[in-house]
Amino acid sequence: MDLFVQRFLLPQLKKEFLRKSIRSEYQSSSTA
């Protein structure tokens, strides 16, 4: 289970986190 988490879930979480952070930064910069 641990390997599965490291190999698949963590990369997905990182992608989602980066996507959300980039989107929030873009919105804040565009509204500022």
PDB file of N, CA and C in Angstrom:
ATOM      1  N   MET A   1       0.833  -1.202   0.000  1.00  0.00           N
ATOM      2  CA  MET A   1       0.000   0.000   0.000  1.00  0.00           C
ATOM      3  C   MET A   1       0.868   1.253   0.000  1.00  0.00           C
ATOM      4  N   ASP A   2       1.945   1.228   0.783  1.00  0.00           N
ATOM      5  CA  ASP A   2       2.801   2.409   0.863  1.00  0.00           C
ATOM      6  C   ASP A   2       3.416   2.733  -0.499  1.00  0.00           C
ATOM      7  N   LEU A   3       3.895   1.704  -1.187  1.00  0.00           N
ATOM      8  CA  LEU A   3       4.471   1.945  -2.511  1.00  0.00           C
ATOM      9  C   LEU A   3       3.423   2.499  -3.457  1.00  0.00           C
ATOM     10  N   PHE A   4       2.223   1.955  -3.370  1.00  0.00           N
ATOM     11  CA  PHE A   4       1.146   2.447  -4.232  1.00  0.00           C
ATOM     12  C   PHE A   4       0.904   3.926  -3.981  1.00  0.00           C
ATOM     13  N   VAL A   5       0.891   4.301  -2.707  1.00  0.00           N
ATOM     14  CA  VAL A   5       0.667   5.705  -2.357  1.00  0.00           C
ATOM     15  C   VAL A   5       1.787   6.570  -2.912  1.00  0.00           C
ATOM     16  N   GLN A   6       3.029   6.142  -2.713  1.00  0.00           N
ATOM     17  CA  GLN A   6       4.166   6.952  -3.164  1.00  0.00           C
ATOM     18  C   GLN A   6       4.214   7.048  -4.684  1.00  0.00           C
ATOM     19  N   ARG A   7       3.869   5.943  -5.358  1.00  0.00           N
ATOM     20  CA  ARG A   7       4.024   5.920  -6.816  1.00  0.00           C
ATOM     21  C   ARG A   7       2.892   6.631  -7.548  1.00  0.00           C
ATOM     22  N   PHE A   8       1.672   6.565  -6.989  1.00  0.00           N
ATOM     23  CA  PHE A   8       0.516   7.055  -7.744  1.00  0.00           C
ATOM     24  C   PHE A   8      -0.200   8.214  -7.062  1.00  0.00           C
ATOM     25  N   LEU A   9      -0.498   8.050  -5.779  1.00  0.00           N
ATOM     26  CA  LEU A   9      -1.315   9.080  -5.129  1.00  0.00           C
ATOM     27  C   LEU A   9      -0.533  10.363  -4.908  1.00  0.00           C
ATOM     28  N   LEU A  10       0.705  10.261  -4.461  1.00  0.00           N
ATOM     29  CA  LEU A  10       1.475  11.473  -4.193  1.00  0.00           C
ATOM     30  C   LEU A  10       1.675  12.323  -5.444  1.00  0.00           C
ATOM     31  N   PRO A  11       2.063  11.751  -6.575  1.00  0.00           N
ATOM     32  CA  PRO A  11       2.187  12.563  -7.791  1.00  0.00           C
ATOM     33  C   PRO A  11       0.881  13.249  -8.160  1.00  0.00           C
ATOM     34  N   GLN A  12      -0.233  12.545  -8.015  1.00  0.00           N
ATOM     35  CA  GLN A  12      -1.531  13.144  -8.340  1.00  0.00           C
ATOM     36  C   GLN A  12      -1.819  14.308  -7.416  1.00  0.00           C
ATOM     37  N   LEU A  13      -1.534  14.127  -6.125  1.00  0.00           N
ATOM     38  CA  LEU A  13      -1.779  15.195  -5.164  1.00  0.00           C
ATOM     39  C   LEU A  13      -0.900  16.396  -5.488  1.00  0.00           C
ATOM     40  N   LYS A  14       0.339  16.135  -5.869  1.00  0.00           N
ATOM     41  CA  LYS A  14       1.242  17.239  -6.213  1.00  0.00           C
ATOM     42  C   LYS A  14       0.722  17.991  -7.433  1.00  0.00           C
ATOM     43  N   LYS A  15       0.250  17.260  -8.421  1.00  0.00           N
ATOM     44  CA  LYS A  15      -0.284  17.912  -9.619  1.00  0.00           C
ATOM     45  C   LYS A  15      -1.465  18.795  -9.261  1.00  0.00           C
ATOM     46  N   GLU A  16      -2.395  18.244  -8.463  1.00  0.00           N
ATOM     47  CA  GLU A  16      -3.579  19.009  -8.081  1.00  0.00           C
ATOM     48  C   GLU A  16      -3.181  20.237  -7.279  1.00  0.00           C
ATOM     49  N   PHE A  17      -2.236  20.062  -6.343  1.00  0.00           N
ATOM     50  CA  PHE A  17      -1.818  21.178  -5.499  1.00  0.00           C
ATOM     51  C   PHE A  17      -1.179  22.271  -6.345  1.00  0.00           C
ATOM     52  N   LEU A  18      -0.297  21.880  -7.256  1.00  0.00           N
ATOM     53  CA  LEU A  18       0.358  22.875  -8.105  1.00  0.00           C
ATOM     54  C   LEU A  18      -0.666  23.589  -8.974  1.00  0.00           C
ATOM     55  N   ARG A  19      -1.612  22.822  -9.512  1.00  0.00           N
ATOM     56  CA  ARG A  19      -2.626  23.418 -10.377  1.00  0.00           C
ATOM     57  C   ARG A  19      -3.451  24.443  -9.605  1.00  0.00           C
ATOM     58  N   LYS A  20      -3.847  24.081  -8.383  1.00  0.00           N
ATOM     59  CA  LYS A  20      -4.667  24.988  -7.582  1.00  0.00           C
ATOM     60  C   LYS A  20      -3.863  26.215  -7.175  1.00  0.00           C
ATOM     61  N   SER A  21      -2.606  26.013  -6.764  1.00  0.00           N
ATOM     62  CA  SER A  21      -1.794  27.143  -6.313  1.00  0.00           C
ATOM     63  C   SER A  21      -1.536  28.100  -7.473  1.00  0.00           C
ATOM     64  N   ILE A  22      -1.231  27.558  -8.644  1.00  0.00           N
ATOM     65  CA  ILE A  22      -0.992  28.405  -9.816  1.00  0.00           C
ATOM     66  C   ILE A  22      -2.255  29.173 -10.164  1.00  0.00           C
ATOM     67  N   ARG A  23      -3.399  28.492 -10.093  1.00  0.00           N
ATOM     68  CA  ARG A  23      -4.661  29.148 -10.429  1.00  0.00           C
ATOM     69  C   ARG A  23      -4.959  30.265  -9.448  1.00  0.00           C
ATOM     70  N   SER A  24      -4.742  30.007  -8.157  1.00  0.00           N
ATOM     71  CA  SER A  24      -5.023  31.028  -7.141  1.00  0.00           C
ATOM     72  C   SER A  24      -4.069  32.213  -7.312  1.00  0.00           C
ATOM     73  N   GLU A  25      -2.797  31.933  -7.599  1.00  0.00           N
ATOM     74  CA  GLU A  25      -1.835  33.019  -7.797  1.00  0.00           C
ATOM     75  C   GLU A  25      -2.224  33.850  -9.019  1.00  0.00           C
ATOM     76  N   TYR A  26      -2.658  33.194 -10.084  1.00  0.00           N
ATOM     77  CA  TYR A  26      -3.048  33.911 -11.294  1.00  0.00           C
ATOM     78  C   TYR A  26      -4.244  34.812 -11.011  1.00  0.00           C
ATOM     79  N   GLN A  27      -5.227  34.275 -10.270  1.00  0.00           N
ATOM     80  CA  GLN A  27      -6.410  35.071  -9.960  1.00  0.00           C
ATOM     81  C   GLN A  27      -6.044  36.257  -9.083  1.00  0.00           C
ATOM     82  N   SER A  28      -5.215  36.037  -8.067  1.00  0.00           N
ATOM     83  CA  SER A  28      -4.867  37.127  -7.148  1.00  0.00           C
ATOM     84  C   SER A  28      -4.075  38.208  -7.890  1.00  0.00           C
ATOM     85  N   SER A  29      -3.181  37.793  -8.788  1.00  0.00           N
ATOM     86  CA  SER A  29      -2.375  38.776  -9.512  1.00  0.00           C
ATOM     87  C   SER A  29      -3.236  39.544 -10.516  1.00  0.00           C
ATOM     88  N   SER A  30      -4.209  38.864 -11.107  1.00  0.00           N
ATOM     89  CA  SER A  30      -5.048  39.531 -12.102  1.00  0.00           C
ATOM     90  C   SER A  30      -6.017  40.498 -11.430  1.00  0.00           C
ATOM     91  N   THR A  31      -6.457  40.161 -10.213  1.00  0.00           N
ATOM     92  CA  THR A  31      -7.405  41.033  -9.516  1.00  0.00           C
ATOM     93  C   THR A  31      -6.688  42.179  -8.822  1.00  0.00           C
ATOM     94  N   ALA A  32      -5.423  41.983  -8.487  1.00  0.00           N
ATOM     95  CA  ALA A  32      -4.684  43.019  -7.759  1.00  0.00           C
ATOM     96  C   ALA A  32      -4.457  44.245  -8.647  1.00  0.00           C
TER      97      ALA A  32
END
